[in-house]
Protein backbone atom coordinates (compact mmCIF):
# COMPACT_ATOMS: atom_id res chain seq x y z
CA MET A 1 109.41 190.95 95.39
CA GLY A 2 111.41 188.99 97.41
CA TYR A 3 112.76 185.61 96.55
CA VAL A 4 109.92 183.18 97.86
CA HIS A 5 107.43 185.19 95.47
CA ARG A 6 109.69 185.10 92.79
CA ARG A 7 110.00 180.94 93.17
CA LEU A 8 106.16 180.59 93.21
CA VAL A 9 105.98 182.67 90.34
CA SER A 10 108.47 180.35 87.95
CA THR A 11 107.11 177.40 89.67
CA ALA A 12 103.36 178.26 88.43
CA ALA A 13 104.46 179.83 85.27
CA ARG A 14 106.20 176.35 84.37
CA ILE A 15 102.70 174.25 84.96
CA GLY A 16 100.94 174.59 81.99
CA SER A 17 97.34 174.10 83.92
CA VAL A 18 97.91 178.12 85.26
CA SER A 19 96.44 180.57 83.37
CA ILE A 20 98.44 184.20 83.15
CA SER A 21 95.76 185.53 84.57
CA HIS A 22 96.75 184.01 88.07
CA LEU A 23 100.45 185.28 88.50
CA PRO A 24 99.45 188.62 89.53
CA LYS A 25 97.74 187.01 92.21
CA PHE A 26 101.01 185.53 93.99
CA PRO A 27 101.12 184.98 96.73
CA PRO A 28 98.02 183.41 97.28
CA LYS A 29 95.91 183.44 100.61
CA GLU A 30 97.03 179.98 101.66
CA ALA A 31 101.03 181.07 101.47
CA LEU A 32 100.64 183.48 103.65
CA TYR A 33 101.26 183.05 107.51
CA VAL A 34 98.30 184.47 109.58
CA PRO A 35 99.13 184.88 113.33
CA GLY A 36 97.82 182.78 115.71
CA THR A 37 96.93 180.15 113.21
CA SER A 38 98.99 176.79 112.61
CA ALA A 39 101.24 177.22 109.79
CA THR A 40 101.53 174.59 107.10
CA ALA A 41 103.89 174.11 104.72
CA PHE A 42 102.84 175.45 100.97
CA ASN A 43 103.26 173.48 97.68
CA PRO A 44 103.20 175.68 94.81
CA GLU A 45 102.72 172.56 92.44
CA GLU A 46 99.57 171.24 94.67
CA TRP A 47 98.25 174.97 94.47
CA ALA A 48 98.62 175.05 90.79
CA ALA A 49 96.81 171.67 90.53
CA LEU A 50 94.26 172.72 92.09
CA GLN A 51 93.47 175.59 89.59
CA PRO A 52 91.00 175.40 87.03
CA PRO A 53 91.94 175.42 83.53
CA PRO A 54 91.18 178.79 81.89
CA PRO A 55 88.07 179.04 79.96
CA SER A 56 90.31 180.09 76.23
CA ALA A 57 92.84 176.84 77.15
CA LEU A 58 89.16 175.06 76.97
CA SER A 59 87.87 176.68 73.69
CA ALA A 60 90.89 176.50 71.97
CA PHE A 61 91.39 172.66 72.84
CA VAL A 62 87.77 171.90 71.68
CA HIS A 63 88.62 173.68 68.25
CA ARG A 64 91.45 172.12 68.04
CA ILE A 65 90.33 168.59 67.83
CA GLY A 66 87.30 169.70 65.77
CA LEU A 67 84.56 169.10 68.31
CA SER A 68 83.61 172.73 68.75
CA SER A 69 79.52 172.20 67.72
CA ILE A 70 79.62 169.35 70.03
CA LEU A 71 80.62 170.49 72.98
CA GLU A 72 80.05 173.76 73.55
CA SER A 73 79.92 173.76 77.17
CA PRO A 74 83.76 174.63 79.00
CA ASP A 75 82.51 172.44 81.96
CA ILE A 76 82.08 169.57 79.89
CA ILE A 77 85.43 169.78 78.56
CA GLN A 78 87.18 170.25 82.07
CA GLN A 79 85.15 166.93 83.09
CA ALA A 80 86.14 165.09 80.35
CA CYS A 81 89.90 166.67 81.33
CA THR A 82 89.74 165.63 85.35
CA HIS A 83 90.99 162.31 86.18
CA HIS A 84 89.22 160.58 89.44
CA THR A 85 92.40 160.70 91.19
CA PHE A 86 91.71 164.41 91.16
CA LEU A 87 89.06 164.06 93.62
CA GLN A 88 91.47 162.87 96.20
CA LEU A 89 93.72 165.91 95.96
CA TYR A 90 90.68 168.41 96.19
CA GLN A 91 88.79 166.63 98.78
CA GLN A 92 92.32 167.06 100.78
CA HIS A 93 92.52 170.73 100.32
CA LYS A 94 88.73 171.83 99.89
CA PRO A 95 86.75 169.42 101.91
CA ARG A 96 83.90 171.85 102.22
CA ASP A 97 83.68 172.77 98.29
CA PRO A 98 81.84 170.28 96.00
CA ALA A 99 83.52 167.51 94.53
CA PRO A 100 84.04 168.61 91.00
CA ALA A 101 82.83 166.18 87.77
CA THR A 102 85.32 163.47 86.62
CA ASN A 103 85.82 161.28 83.50
CA ALA A 104 85.62 157.94 85.35
CA GLN A 105 82.00 157.04 84.19
CA LEU A 106 83.10 158.45 80.21
CA ALA A 107 86.14 156.84 80.09
CA ALA A 108 84.41 153.31 80.84
CA ILE A 109 82.08 154.09 77.77
CA GLY A 110 84.53 154.83 75.72
CA ASN A 111 87.22 152.61 76.08
CA SER A 112 84.39 149.92 75.18
CA LEU A 113 83.65 152.19 72.55
CA MET A 114 86.83 152.13 71.12
CA GLY A 115 87.21 148.28 71.63
CA LEU A 116 84.50 147.36 69.74
CA PHE A 117 85.09 150.19 66.81
CA ALA A 118 88.91 148.37 66.59
CA THR A 119 87.88 145.00 66.73
CA GLU A 120 85.30 145.14 64.20
CA PHE A 121 87.73 147.34 61.98
CA LEU A 122 90.53 144.86 62.24
CA ARG A 123 88.24 141.59 61.99
CA ALA A 124 86.92 143.30 58.40
CA THR A 125 90.70 144.28 57.34
CA TYR A 126 92.23 141.13 57.88
CA PRO A 127 89.97 138.24 58.03
CA TYR A 128 92.70 135.45 58.55
CA LEU A 129 94.32 137.13 61.29
CA PRO A 130 94.88 134.89 64.63
CA THR A 131 93.02 136.09 67.97
CA ARG A 132 96.12 136.87 69.72
CA VAL A 133 97.54 138.82 66.85
CA MET A 134 93.98 140.77 66.68
CA LYS A 135 94.30 141.36 70.39
CA ALA A 136 97.95 142.57 70.04
CA ALA A 137 96.57 144.86 67.32
CA VAL A 138 93.62 146.30 68.86
CA SER A 139 95.70 147.06 72.08
CA ALA A 140 98.37 149.16 69.64
CA HIS A 141 95.54 151.00 67.73
CA VAL A 142 93.35 151.85 71.08
CA GLY A 143 95.52 151.18 74.05
CA PRO A 144 96.52 152.85 76.83
CA LEU A 145 99.87 154.12 75.43
CA THR A 146 98.28 154.58 72.47
CA CYS A 147 95.45 156.74 73.81
CA ALA A 148 98.27 158.71 75.83
CA ASN A 149 100.58 159.72 72.70
CA VAL A 150 96.85 160.71 70.89
CA ALA A 151 95.95 162.66 73.91
CA GLN A 152 99.64 164.70 73.58
CA GLU A 153 99.25 165.74 69.71
CA MET A 154 96.11 166.96 70.88
CA GLY A 155 97.69 169.37 73.17
CA ALA A 156 95.29 168.13 76.18
CA ALA A 157 98.24 167.38 78.54
CA PRO A 158 98.39 170.98 79.64
CA LEU A 159 94.12 170.81 80.77
CA LEU A 160 94.80 167.50 82.59
CA ARG A 161 94.02 167.39 86.05
CA TRP A 162 95.12 164.31 87.96
CA HIS A 163 96.92 163.62 91.18
CA ARG A 164 99.60 160.68 91.03
CA SER A 165 98.58 157.61 93.32
CA ARG A 166 100.52 154.72 94.67
CA GLY A 167 99.91 150.97 93.85
CA THR A 168 98.73 148.68 96.13
CA ILE A 169 98.84 144.84 96.14
CA THR A 170 95.77 144.37 94.29
CA LYS A 171 95.42 147.65 92.66
CA PRO A 172 98.22 149.10 90.59
CA GLY A 173 99.40 152.81 90.88
CA VAL A 174 97.85 155.96 88.41
CA LEU A 175 101.10 157.36 86.16
CA HIS A 176 100.41 160.57 84.07
CA SER A 177 100.20 158.56 80.96
CA ASP A 178 97.24 156.40 82.51
CA ALA A 179 95.46 159.68 83.64
CA LEU A 180 96.03 161.17 79.98
CA ALA A 181 94.99 158.14 78.23
CA SER A 182 91.18 158.79 79.75
CA ILE A 183 90.71 162.23 78.04
CA PRO A 184 89.98 160.56 74.22
CA ARG A 185 87.67 157.84 75.87
CA ALA A 186 86.13 160.28 77.61
CA LEU A 187 85.93 162.32 74.43
CA THR A 188 84.67 159.31 72.41
CA ALA A 189 82.00 158.64 74.73
CA LEU A 190 81.05 162.39 74.74
CA VAL A 191 80.60 161.98 70.76
CA TYR A 192 78.67 159.15 71.48
CA GLN A 193 75.96 160.77 74.00
CA LYS A 194 75.87 164.03 71.93
CA ARG A 195 75.79 162.54 68.62
CA SER A 196 75.20 159.36 67.94
CA LEU A 197 77.27 155.88 67.46
CA PRO A 198 78.54 155.86 63.93
CA SER A 199 79.68 159.70 64.85
CA ALA A 200 81.64 158.26 67.82
CA ARG A 201 83.12 155.29 65.13
CA GLN A 202 84.55 158.50 62.47
CA PHE A 203 86.01 160.10 65.59
CA VAL A 204 87.99 156.57 66.55
CA HIS A 205 88.20 155.93 62.98
CA SER A 206 89.84 159.55 62.62
CA TYR A 207 92.65 159.53 64.99
CA PHE A 208 93.31 156.23 66.07
CA LEU A 209 92.33 153.11 62.95
CA GLY A 210 93.89 155.58 60.43
CA ARG A 211 97.24 155.03 61.89
CA GLU A 212 100.09 152.53 60.16
CA VAL A 213 100.83 149.81 62.90
CA ASP A 214 103.30 147.01 61.86
CA ILE A 215 100.96 143.97 62.39
CA ARG A 216 103.70 142.00 60.64
CA GLY A 217 105.95 142.18 63.73
CA MET A 218 103.20 140.70 65.66
CA ILE A 219 103.31 137.15 64.63
CA LYS A 220 105.95 134.95 65.60
CA PHE A 221 106.24 131.09 64.96
CA LEU A 222 108.47 128.92 67.29
CA ASP A 223 108.42 126.31 63.72
CA PRO A 224 106.48 128.57 60.58
CA LYS A 225 107.84 124.86 58.14
CA LYS A 226 105.13 123.25 60.49
CA ALA A 227 102.66 125.40 60.97
CA LEU A 228 102.56 125.77 56.76
CA LEU A 229 102.38 122.09 56.78
CA GLU A 230 99.22 122.11 58.68
CA MET A 231 97.73 125.28 56.85
CA VAL A 232 97.98 123.52 53.83
CA GLU A 233 96.44 120.39 54.92
CA LYS A 234 93.37 122.26 56.55
CA PHE A 235 92.81 123.92 53.04
CA GLY A 236 93.14 121.44 51.04
CA ARG A 237 96.22 121.77 49.09
CA ALA A 238 99.64 120.14 47.79
CA ARG A 239 102.40 118.99 50.03
CA PRO A 240 104.92 122.26 50.17
CA LYS A 241 108.06 121.88 48.81
CA SER A 242 111.33 123.54 49.06
CA ARG A 243 112.80 124.81 45.87
CA LEU A 244 116.48 126.51 45.64
CA LEU A 245 115.90 129.57 43.93
CA LYS A 246 119.13 131.33 43.42
CA GLU A 247 122.50 131.07 45.82
CA THR A 248 125.88 133.06 45.22
CA GLY A 249 129.37 132.34 47.16
CA ARG A 250 128.46 129.05 48.52
CA TYR A 251 132.16 128.09 49.31
CA SER A 252 133.04 132.13 50.68
CA ASN A 253 132.52 133.12 54.03
CA ALA A 254 129.49 134.83 53.38
CA PRO A 255 127.11 132.92 51.05
CA VAL A 256 123.70 133.67 50.07
CA PHE A 257 120.80 131.15 49.53
CA VAL A 258 117.44 132.22 48.39
CA VAL A 259 114.63 129.55 48.56
CA GLY A 260 111.15 129.07 47.51
CA ILE A 261 108.14 127.40 49.11
CA TYR A 262 105.84 126.08 46.43
CA SER A 263 102.75 123.86 46.81
CA GLY A 264 102.39 122.18 43.30
CA GLU A 265 103.30 125.02 40.75
CA GLU A 266 102.44 127.94 42.88
CA GLN A 267 104.65 129.60 44.90
CA LEU A 268 103.38 130.35 48.75
CA GLY A 269 106.63 132.27 50.11
CA GLU A 270 110.24 133.03 49.50
CA GLY A 271 113.21 133.64 51.95
CA PHE A 272 116.53 134.19 51.84
CA GLY A 273 119.85 133.48 54.83
CA SER A 274 123.39 132.52 54.71
CA SER A 275 122.50 129.11 54.97
CA LEU A 276 119.73 126.99 53.04
CA LYS A 277 117.91 125.96 56.76
CA MET A 278 117.72 130.12 57.45
CA ALA A 279 116.39 130.78 54.23
CA GLU A 280 113.86 127.94 54.18
CA TYR A 281 112.66 129.41 57.57
CA ARG A 282 112.20 132.36 56.31
CA ALA A 283 110.39 131.37 53.09
CA ALA A 284 108.07 129.03 55.36
CA GLU A 285 107.77 132.42 57.90
CA ASP A 286 106.67 134.68 54.07
CA ALA A 287 104.10 132.09 53.19
CA LEU A 288 102.26 132.30 56.62
CA HIS A 289 102.50 135.92 56.29
CA ARG A 290 100.94 136.17 53.25
CA VAL A 291 98.32 134.37 54.18
CA TYR A 292 97.89 136.17 57.71
CA LEU A 293 98.23 139.39 56.38
CA THR A 294 95.66 139.45 53.43
CA LYS A 295 94.32 142.62 53.37
CA THR A 296 90.52 143.39 52.39
CA PRO A 297 90.85 146.49 50.01
CA SER A 298 89.28 149.47 51.75
CA ASP A 299 86.48 149.97 49.27
CA LEU A 300 85.04 146.33 50.29
CA VAL A 301 85.17 146.89 54.14
CA GLN A 302 82.04 146.72 55.76
CA LEU A 303 81.43 147.19 59.50
CA PRO A 304 78.67 145.77 61.43
CA SER A 305 78.40 148.76 63.25
CA GLN A 306 76.74 150.65 59.74
CA THR A 307 73.58 148.79 60.54
CA PHE A 308 72.80 151.67 63.49
CA PRO A 309 70.86 154.60 63.04
CA LEU A 310 72.70 157.67 62.57
CA GLY A 311 70.46 159.78 64.67
CA VAL A 312 71.02 161.10 68.21
CA GLY A 313 69.23 158.91 70.54
CA ASP A 314 68.59 155.01 71.73
CA VAL A 315 70.32 152.64 69.01
CA TYR A 316 67.38 149.60 69.54
CA ARG A 317 65.10 152.77 68.49
CA LYS A 318 63.11 151.82 65.44
CA ALA A 319 64.95 153.69 62.73
CA PRO A 320 66.20 153.09 58.89
CA GLU A 321 69.41 150.95 59.31
CA GLY A 322 72.14 150.83 57.12
CA LYS A 323 73.29 148.69 54.68
CA TYR A 324 75.79 145.46 55.50
CA VAL A 325 76.86 142.29 53.71
CA ALA A 326 78.06 139.84 55.85
CA PRO A 327 81.59 138.34 54.50
CA ASN A 328 82.34 134.48 54.07
CA LEU A 329 83.23 133.02 57.10
CA VAL A 330 87.20 132.08 56.17
CA GLU A 331 89.26 128.57 57.46
CA SER A 332 90.18 129.07 61.23
CA GLU A 333 93.61 130.24 62.35
CA ILE A 334 95.86 127.36 62.49
CA MET A 335 97.53 127.24 66.32
CA TYR A 336 100.14 124.90 65.49
CA ALA A 337 103.49 126.87 66.34
CA SER A 338 102.17 130.11 67.13
CA SER A 339 102.27 129.33 70.72
CA GLY A 340 104.06 127.21 73.11
CA ASN A 341 100.90 124.72 73.76
CA SER A 342 100.60 123.66 70.35
CA VAL A 343 100.38 119.57 69.88
CA GLU A 344 103.03 118.32 67.50
CA VAL A 345 101.83 117.14 64.34
CA ALA A 346 104.27 114.22 62.24
CA GLY A 347 105.88 115.09 59.58
CA ASP A 348 108.23 118.38 57.51
CA ILE A 349 108.79 120.08 54.39
CA SER A 350 111.19 118.01 52.35
């Protein structure tokens, strides 16, 4: 085996989408020069990308994610792992062959379903969460980066068929993470298509919504003291007061103050700092976090999608609906000092 052949074999072996059974076929006919024809440069990476994943890898993947009873056909699994950008590369090298099926439509449907499931779950779990924080939490649970990471954990990266495209002024480019994120979305749509909407919701809850996300870090305030003042007035509570609870080293170079904020006799929050102003700031922020991050117990969370029928078919068909009790509406969010467009309110915490 010459140097060129060894380089082609080593290049193909590093690409996970190429089966070992393809390696003895080197060099492929595209790499051979036939006298009397125009010679073109052979790209081993593009040749490897055009090869379909082996059926054994597709079968192992679908068994690994627990969908072997739903996705029985290897063609469906291969379609879920084929990004729409792959058509450009395929038609460039094989213009006479029929174009393969892609996951473009499946990914769009799955993206909508995942957004629905994440929104209703977070709204039912955190009823006081502000709208902007809600959007950020939904993106953290089922956003593009999370979908790409879940696809990596599933082991779908070697099965992905895609082609990197450059962005334009009106359309961004497609990166590897963008193409990889389409696989979990397509799988969600296939579960919905083959089974039911509750089954698709269970799939999303298992792989996405069961993860812990730091929502506290998403809640930021320009002035938490005035935001807290507006909140207690909206709920009709007593005006908040700051009280010094503990202190140490007041006259040293490392003092520590602990401040609590009270509404009447009830303590709303507590914070510490190297100055009274910092401790009061953190105490007000802690009080707001306790309200916004009020969590409904998991056994009491009810989702509107539970009313959909469990069988396969149209969600609007006549069938027994699941039980659902709508929760009580909570007070609207406190917008002051949560964004730069807030309107000032006179007054301060004394």
